Amino acid sequence: DLRDSPTELLQKLNLDRSLPTLFLQECVSMYVPITAYKNLLQSLSTCADDVSIACYEPILGNAANTSDPFGRMMEQNLTQAGVAQPESCLLKTRSLKDQLDKLISCGFQRAVGCDMWNGYNCILTESQRKRANQSEFLDEYEEWMLIMQHYCFVVAKASHSCSNSSPCDLTGVHGGGNGDKTQSLLGFVSGKCLEKEK
């Protein structure tokens, strides 16, 4: 249970601090109260010398945004299902920016992410998109695009080693300007993602 003590959860994993560690989360935080989840993130960010986290999470958008009926309907449905509680991460981290801010405030030094629509267009290669598009015919392309814009993929890192750089940095962004030759291991592209550093 992610609401339990993060220290106890990490002790059960018996991690080797000297090894680079990657945590994967898929729609996990939406069910957890924001305080409990931040405590977990703070513990994860310091559990090894080099820590990365990759998260796939819903983003509802700004509650006051009347031009986003899809986000409002999504929130209404999740509230009726008992998933969206007043103190849940789902309602407290409503945007991609909120997701990055949460990770940085919990000890990660760098975070990058994009909504899944931008991920589909930038992270996937043309041949991967073509193969995906052939697998199933979509009659509601606009609805699929709306769904993709309401989920995000975020990666963050915390490095406590002397070098402070890892050969497997997942937060790189390609095309940062000024002739930047940075390669992104995951396909993040400048202008199609958000970046935040401590």
C-alpha atoms as a PDB file:
ATOM      1  CA  ASP A   1       0.000   0.000   0.000  1.00  0.00           C
ATOM      2  CA  LEU A   2       1.609   3.270  -1.150  1.00  0.00           C
ATOM      3  CA  ARG A   3       0.063   5.123   1.790  1.00  0.00           C
ATOM      4  CA  ASP A   4       2.281   3.112   4.167  1.00  0.00           C
ATOM      5  CA  SER A   5       5.634   4.337   5.388  1.00  0.00           C
ATOM      6  CA  PRO A   6       7.953   4.928   2.406  1.00  0.00           C
ATOM      7  CA  THR A   7      10.897   3.822   4.541  1.00  0.00           C
ATOM      8  CA  GLU A   8       9.265   0.433   5.185  1.00  0.00           C
ATOM      9  CA  LEU A   9       8.364   0.025   1.513  1.00  0.00           C
ATOM     10  CA  LEU A  10      11.951   0.727   0.426  1.00  0.00           C
ATOM     11  CA  GLN A  11      13.400  -1.587   3.076  1.00  0.00           C
ATOM     12  CA  LYS A  12      11.353  -4.439   1.567  1.00  0.00           C
ATOM     13  CA  LEU A  13      13.035  -3.766  -1.807  1.00  0.00           C
ATOM     14  CA  ASN A  14      16.542  -4.060  -0.329  1.00  0.00           C
ATOM     15  CA  LEU A  15      18.025  -1.761  -2.978  1.00  0.00           C
ATOM     16  CA  ASP A  16      21.757  -1.420  -3.629  1.00  0.00           C
ATOM     17  CA  ARG A  17      22.352   2.371  -3.364  1.00  0.00           C
ATOM     18  CA  SER A  18      25.330   2.196  -5.701  1.00  0.00           C
ATOM     19  CA  LEU A  19      23.282   0.927  -8.666  1.00  0.00           C
ATOM     20  CA  PRO A  20      21.304   3.271 -10.944  1.00  0.00           C
ATOM     21  CA  THR A  21      17.638   2.745 -10.080  1.00  0.00           C
ATOM     22  CA  LEU A  22      14.559   3.299 -12.238  1.00  0.00           C
ATOM     23  CA  PHE A  23      11.008   3.346 -10.863  1.00  0.00           C
ATOM     24  CA  LEU A  24       8.091   2.936 -13.290  1.00  0.00           C
ATOM     25  CA  GLN A  25       4.598   4.111 -12.406  1.00  0.00           C
ATOM     26  CA  GLU A  26       1.468   3.845 -14.499  1.00  0.00           C
ATOM     27  CA  CYS A  27      -1.568   5.758 -13.195  1.00  0.00           C
ATOM     28  CA  VAL A  28      -0.399   5.202  -9.624  1.00  0.00           C
ATOM     29  CA  SER A  29      -0.477   8.617  -7.996  1.00  0.00           C
ATOM     30  CA  MET A  30      -4.064   9.396  -8.990  1.00  0.00           C
ATOM     31  CA  TYR A  31      -5.339   7.060  -6.253  1.00  0.00           C
ATOM     32  CA  VAL A  32      -3.059   8.309  -3.467  1.00  0.00           C
ATOM     33  CA  PRO A  33      -3.475  11.404  -1.265  1.00  0.00           C
ATOM     34  CA  ILE A  34      -1.016  14.118  -2.297  1.00  0.00           C
ATOM     35  CA  THR A  35       0.780  14.209   1.080  1.00  0.00           C
ATOM     36  CA  ALA A  36       1.400  10.444   1.131  1.00  0.00           C
ATOM     37  CA  TYR A  37       2.581  10.489  -2.470  1.00  0.00           C
ATOM     38  CA  LYS A  38       4.981  13.383  -1.888  1.00  0.00           C
ATOM     39  CA  ASN A  39       6.440  11.507   1.094  1.00  0.00           C
ATOM     40  CA  LEU A  40       6.968   8.496  -1.167  1.00  0.00           C
ATOM     41  CA  LEU A  41       8.594  10.618  -3.897  1.00  0.00           C
ATOM     42  CA  GLN A  42      10.935  12.248  -1.376  1.00  0.00           C
ATOM     43  CA  SER A  43      12.053   8.803  -0.222  1.00  0.00           C
ATOM     44  CA  LEU A  44      12.444   7.526  -3.784  1.00  0.00           C
ATOM     45  CA  SER A  45      14.532  10.547  -4.793  1.00  0.00           C
ATOM     46  CA  THR A  46      17.148   9.702  -2.147  1.00  0.00           C
ATOM     47  CA  CYS A  47      17.061   5.885  -2.095  1.00  0.00           C
ATOM     48  CA  ALA A  48      20.091   5.484  -4.403  1.00  0.00           C
ATOM     49  CA  ASP A  49      22.962   7.548  -5.768  1.00  0.00           C
ATOM     50  CA  ASP A  50      21.310   7.776  -9.210  1.00  0.00           C
ATOM     51  CA  VAL A  51      17.518   7.541  -9.287  1.00  0.00           C
ATOM     52  CA  SER A  52      15.113   7.996 -12.183  1.00  0.00           C
ATOM     53  CA  ILE A  53      11.354   7.761 -12.239  1.00  0.00           C
ATOM     54  CA  ALA A  54       9.061   7.409 -15.260  1.00  0.00           C
ATOM     55  CA  CYS A  55       5.366   8.125 -14.756  1.00  0.00           C
ATOM     56  CA  TYR A  56       2.296   7.851 -16.946  1.00  0.00           C
ATOM     57  CA  GLU A  57      -0.507   9.855 -15.325  1.00  0.00           C
ATOM     58  CA  PRO A  58      -3.807  11.576 -16.161  1.00  0.00           C
ATOM     59  CA  ILE A  59      -3.871  15.369 -16.353  1.00  0.00           C
ATOM     60  CA  LEU A  60      -7.320  16.885 -15.946  1.00  0.00           C
ATOM     61  CA  GLY A  61      -6.416  20.440 -16.855  1.00  0.00           C
ATOM     62  CA  ASN A  62      -7.382  23.638 -15.073  1.00  0.00           C
ATOM     63  CA  ALA A  63     -10.723  23.280 -13.256  1.00  0.00           C
ATOM     64  CA  ALA A  64     -11.659  26.864 -14.195  1.00  0.00           C
ATOM     65  CA  ASN A  65     -10.982  26.288 -17.912  1.00  0.00           C
ATOM     66  CA  THR A  66     -14.411  26.346 -19.501  1.00  0.00           C
ATOM     67  CA  SER A  67     -12.898  25.554 -22.913  1.00  0.00           C
ATOM     68  CA  ASP A  68     -11.963  22.022 -21.769  1.00  0.00           C
ATOM     69  CA  PRO A  69     -15.238  20.080 -21.434  1.00  0.00           C
ATOM     70  CA  PHE A  70     -13.363  16.775 -21.876  1.00  0.00           C
ATOM     71  CA  GLY A  71     -11.235  17.421 -18.754  1.00  0.00           C
ATOM     72  CA  ARG A  72     -14.294  18.455 -16.743  1.00  0.00           C
ATOM     73  CA  MET A  73     -16.195  15.309 -17.821  1.00  0.00           C
ATOM     74  CA  MET A  74     -13.176  13.141 -17.009  1.00  0.00           C
ATOM     75  CA  GLU A  75     -13.001  14.681 -13.534  1.00  0.00           C
ATOM     76  CA  GLN A  76     -16.753  14.244 -13.009  1.00  0.00           C
ATOM     77  CA  ASN A  77     -16.601  10.561 -14.011  1.00  0.00           C
ATOM     78  CA  LEU A  78     -13.579   9.855 -11.793  1.00  0.00           C
ATOM     79  CA  THR A  79     -15.209  11.670  -8.862  1.00  0.00           C
ATOM     80  CA  GLN A  80     -18.394   9.609  -9.258  1.00  0.00           C
ATOM     81  CA  ALA A  81     -16.275   6.438  -9.378  1.00  0.00           C
ATOM     82  CA  GLY A  82     -14.648   7.440  -6.073  1.00  0.00           C
ATOM     83  CA  VAL A  83     -11.168   7.860  -7.578  1.00  0.00           C
ATOM     84  CA  ALA A  84     -10.972  11.655  -7.392  1.00  0.00           C
ATOM     85  CA  GLN A  85     -10.974  12.595  -3.720  1.00  0.00           C
ATOM     86  CA  PRO A  86     -10.388  16.217  -2.616  1.00  0.00           C
ATOM     87  CA  GLU A  87      -6.801  15.465  -1.467  1.00  0.00           C
ATOM     88  CA  SER A  88      -5.902  13.012  -4.238  1.00  0.00           C
ATOM     89  CA  CYS A  89      -2.941  13.647  -6.514  1.00  0.00           C
ATOM     90  CA  LEU A  90      -5.389  13.535  -9.404  1.00  0.00           C
ATOM     91  CA  LEU A  91      -7.004  16.801  -8.269  1.00  0.00           C
ATOM     92  CA  LYS A  92      -3.838  18.377  -6.840  1.00  0.00           C
ATOM     93  CA  THR A  93      -1.631  17.846  -9.920  1.00  0.00           C
ATOM     94  CA  ARG A  94      -3.977  18.808 -12.727  1.00  0.00           C
ATOM     95  CA  SER A  95      -1.466  19.752 -15.419  1.00  0.00           C
ATOM     96  CA  LEU A  96       1.833  18.643 -16.911  1.00  0.00           C
ATOM     97  CA  LYS A  97       3.504  21.607 -15.174  1.00  0.00           C
ATOM     98  CA  ASP A  98       2.004  20.475 -11.843  1.00  0.00           C
ATOM     99  CA  GLN A  99       3.460  16.984 -12.403  1.00  0.00           C
ATOM    100  CA  LEU A 100       6.953  18.406 -12.997  1.00  0.00           C
ATOM    101  CA  ASP A 101       6.683  20.828 -10.061  1.00  0.00           C
ATOM    102  CA  LYS A 102       5.672  17.942  -7.763  1.00  0.00           C
ATOM    103  CA  LEU A 103       8.737  15.887  -8.734  1.00  0.00           C
ATOM    104  CA  ILE A 104      11.146  18.809  -8.366  1.00  0.00           C
ATOM    105  CA  SER A 105       9.698  19.786  -4.973  1.00  0.00           C
ATOM    106  CA  CYS A 106      10.252  16.199  -3.789  1.00  0.00           C
ATOM    107  CA  GLY A 107      13.990  16.120  -4.446  1.00  0.00           C
ATOM    108  CA  PHE A 108      14.359  15.260  -8.115  1.00  0.00           C
ATOM    109  CA  GLN A 109      16.788  17.661  -9.771  1.00  0.00           C
ATOM    110  CA  ARG A 110      15.467  17.539 -13.312  1.00  0.00           C
ATOM    111  CA  ALA A 111      12.138  16.558 -14.840  1.00  0.00           C
ATOM    112  CA  VAL A 112      10.843  16.498 -18.398  1.00  0.00           C
ATOM    113  CA  GLY A 113       7.496  15.434 -19.783  1.00  0.00           C
ATOM    114  CA  CYS A 114       4.869  15.789 -22.461  1.00  0.00           C
ATOM    115  CA  ASP A 115       1.235  14.978 -22.947  1.00  0.00           C
ATOM    116  CA  MET A 116       0.679  11.697 -24.754  1.00  0.00           C
ATOM    117  CA  TRP A 117      -0.399  13.430 -27.981  1.00  0.00           C
ATOM    118  CA  ASN A 118       2.988  15.161 -28.217  1.00  0.00           C
ATOM    119  CA  GLY A 119       4.606  11.898 -27.140  1.00  0.00           C
ATOM    120  CA  TYR A 120       2.862  10.062 -29.956  1.00  0.00           C
ATOM    121  CA  ASN A 121       4.072  12.636 -32.470  1.00  0.00           C
ATOM    122  CA  CYS A 122       7.635  13.090 -31.121  1.00  0.00           C
ATOM    123  CA  ILE A 123       8.722  10.081 -29.111  1.00  0.00           C
ATOM    124  CA  LEU A 124       7.396   7.441 -31.493  1.00  0.00           C
ATOM    125  CA  THR A 125       9.157   7.157 -34.806  1.00  0.00           C
ATOM    126  CA  GLU A 126       7.261   7.491 -38.081  1.00  0.00           C
ATOM    127  CA  SER A 127       7.420   3.722 -38.657  1.00  0.00           C
ATOM    128  CA  GLN A 128       6.088   3.052 -35.134  1.00  0.00           C
ATOM    129  CA  ARG A 129       3.176   5.454 -35.706  1.00  0.00           C
ATOM    130  CA  LYS A 130       2.427   3.851 -39.065  1.00  0.00           C
ATOM    131  CA  ARG A 131       2.376   0.375 -37.524  1.00  0.00           C
ATOM    132  CA  ALA A 132       0.149   1.563 -34.662  1.00  0.00           C
ATOM    133  CA  ASN A 133      -2.242   3.277 -37.073  1.00  0.00           C
ATOM    134  CA  GLN A 134      -2.625   0.061 -39.083  1.00  0.00           C
ATOM    135  CA  SER A 135      -3.426  -2.071 -36.050  1.00  0.00           C
ATOM    136  CA  GLU A 136      -6.874  -0.613 -35.413  1.00  0.00           C
ATOM    137  CA  PHE A 137      -9.121   1.733 -37.330  1.00  0.00           C
ATOM    138  CA  LEU A 138     -10.259   4.791 -35.359  1.00  0.00           C
ATOM    139  CA  ASP A 139     -13.642   6.300 -36.170  1.00  0.00           C
ATOM    140  CA  GLU A 140     -13.295   8.998 -33.513  1.00  0.00           C
ATOM    141  CA  TYR A 141      -9.874  10.484 -34.230  1.00  0.00           C
ATOM    142  CA  GLU A 142     -10.687  13.771 -32.442  1.00  0.00           C
ATOM    143  CA  GLU A 143     -11.816  11.935 -29.306  1.00  0.00           C
ATOM    144  CA  TRP A 144      -8.640   9.836 -29.306  1.00  0.00           C
ATOM    145  CA  MET A 145      -6.590  13.039 -29.620  1.00  0.00           C
ATOM    146  CA  LEU A 146      -8.464  14.553 -26.638  1.00  0.00           C
ATOM    147  CA  ILE A 147      -7.784  11.463 -24.544  1.00  0.00           C
ATOM    148  CA  MET A 148      -4.085  11.593 -25.451  1.00  0.00           C
ATOM    149  CA  GLN A 149      -3.938  15.281 -24.425  1.00  0.00           C
ATOM    150  CA  HIS A 150      -5.271  14.371 -20.967  1.00  0.00           C
ATOM    151  CA  TYR A 151      -2.507  11.917 -20.079  1.00  0.00           C
ATOM    152  CA  CYS A 152       1.195  12.608 -19.712  1.00  0.00           C
ATOM    153  CA  PHE A 153       4.538  10.855 -19.683  1.00  0.00           C
ATOM    154  CA  VAL A 154       7.048  12.350 -17.256  1.00  0.00           C
ATOM    155  CA  VAL A 155      10.613  11.358 -16.409  1.00  0.00           C
ATOM    156  CA  ALA A 156      12.692  12.784 -13.553  1.00  0.00           C
ATOM    157  CA  LYS A 157      16.142  12.152 -12.156  1.00  0.00           C
ATOM    158  CA  ALA A 158      18.008  12.689  -8.921  1.00  0.00           C
ATOM    159  CA  SER A 159      21.760  12.196  -8.840  1.00  0.00           C
ATOM    160  CA  HIS A 160      23.659  12.123  -5.573  1.00  0.00           C
ATOM    161  CA  SER A 161      26.920  10.776  -6.957  1.00  0.00           C
ATOM    162  CA  CYS A 162      30.080  12.831  -7.342  1.00  0.00           C
ATOM    163  CA  SER A 163      29.844  13.148 -11.133  1.00  0.00           C
ATOM    164  CA  ASN A 164      26.169  14.260 -11.090  1.00  0.00           C
ATOM    165  CA  SER A 165      25.787  12.964 -14.648  1.00  0.00           C
ATOM    166  CA  SER A 166      24.675   9.548 -15.717  1.00  0.00           C
ATOM    167  CA  PRO A 167      25.337   7.884 -19.087  1.00  0.00           C
ATOM    168  CA  CYS A 168      21.707   6.773 -19.054  1.00  0.00           C
ATOM    169  CA  ASP A 169      20.073  10.166 -18.372  1.00  0.00           C
ATOM    170  CA  LEU A 170      16.471   9.759 -19.474  1.00  0.00           C
ATOM    171  CA  THR A 171      15.682  13.472 -19.132  1.00  0.00           C
ATOM    172  CA  GLY A 172      17.625  14.690 -22.184  1.00  0.00           C
ATOM    173  CA  VAL A 173      15.781  16.856 -24.716  1.00  0.00           C
ATOM    174  CA  HIS A 174      16.785  17.067 -28.381  1.00  0.00           C
ATOM    175  CA  GLY A 175      17.003  20.459 -30.060  1.00  0.00           C
ATOM    176  CA  GLY A 176      17.367  22.760 -27.107  1.00  0.00           C
ATOM    177  CA  GLY A 177      18.553  25.574 -29.397  1.00  0.00           C
ATOM    178  CA  ASN A 178      21.907  27.314 -29.867  1.00  0.00           C
ATOM    179  CA  GLY A 179      23.218  24.384 -31.897  1.00  0.00           C
ATOM    180  CA  ASP A 180      22.468  22.025 -29.001  1.00  0.00           C
ATOM    181  CA  LYS A 181      23.374  18.477 -30.015  1.00  0.00           C
ATOM    182  CA  THR A 182      21.855  16.860 -26.927  1.00  0.00           C
ATOM    183  CA  GLN A 183      20.322  13.518 -27.734  1.00  0.00           C
ATOM    184  CA  SER A 184      17.207  12.335 -26.004  1.00  0.00           C
ATOM    185  CA  LEU A 185      17.212   8.645 -25.159  1.00  0.00           C
ATOM    186  CA  LEU A 186      13.414   8.734 -25.004  1.00  0.00           C
ATOM    187  CA  GLY A 187      12.724  11.081 -27.919  1.00  0.00           C
ATOM    188  CA  PHE A 188      11.765  14.267 -26.062  1.00  0.00           C
ATOM    189  CA  VAL A 189      11.907  17.250 -28.431  1.00  0.00           C
ATOM    190  CA  SER A 190      12.292  20.890 -27.449  1.00  0.00           C
ATOM    191  CA  GLY A 191       9.034  22.806 -27.890  1.00  0.00           C
ATOM    192  CA  LYS A 192       6.940  19.627 -27.569  1.00  0.00           C
ATOM    193  CA  CYS A 193       7.704  18.953 -23.927  1.00  0.00           C
ATOM    194  CA  LEU A 194       8.139  20.812 -20.647  1.00  0.00           C
ATOM    195  CA  GLU A 195      11.402  20.813 -18.715  1.00  0.00           C
ATOM    196  CA  LYS A 196      12.108  21.838 -15.148  1.00  0.00           C
ATOM    197  CA  GLU A 197      15.297  21.870 -13.100  1.00  0.00           C
ATOM    198  CA  LYS A 198      15.959  22.551  -9.454  1.00  0.00           C
END
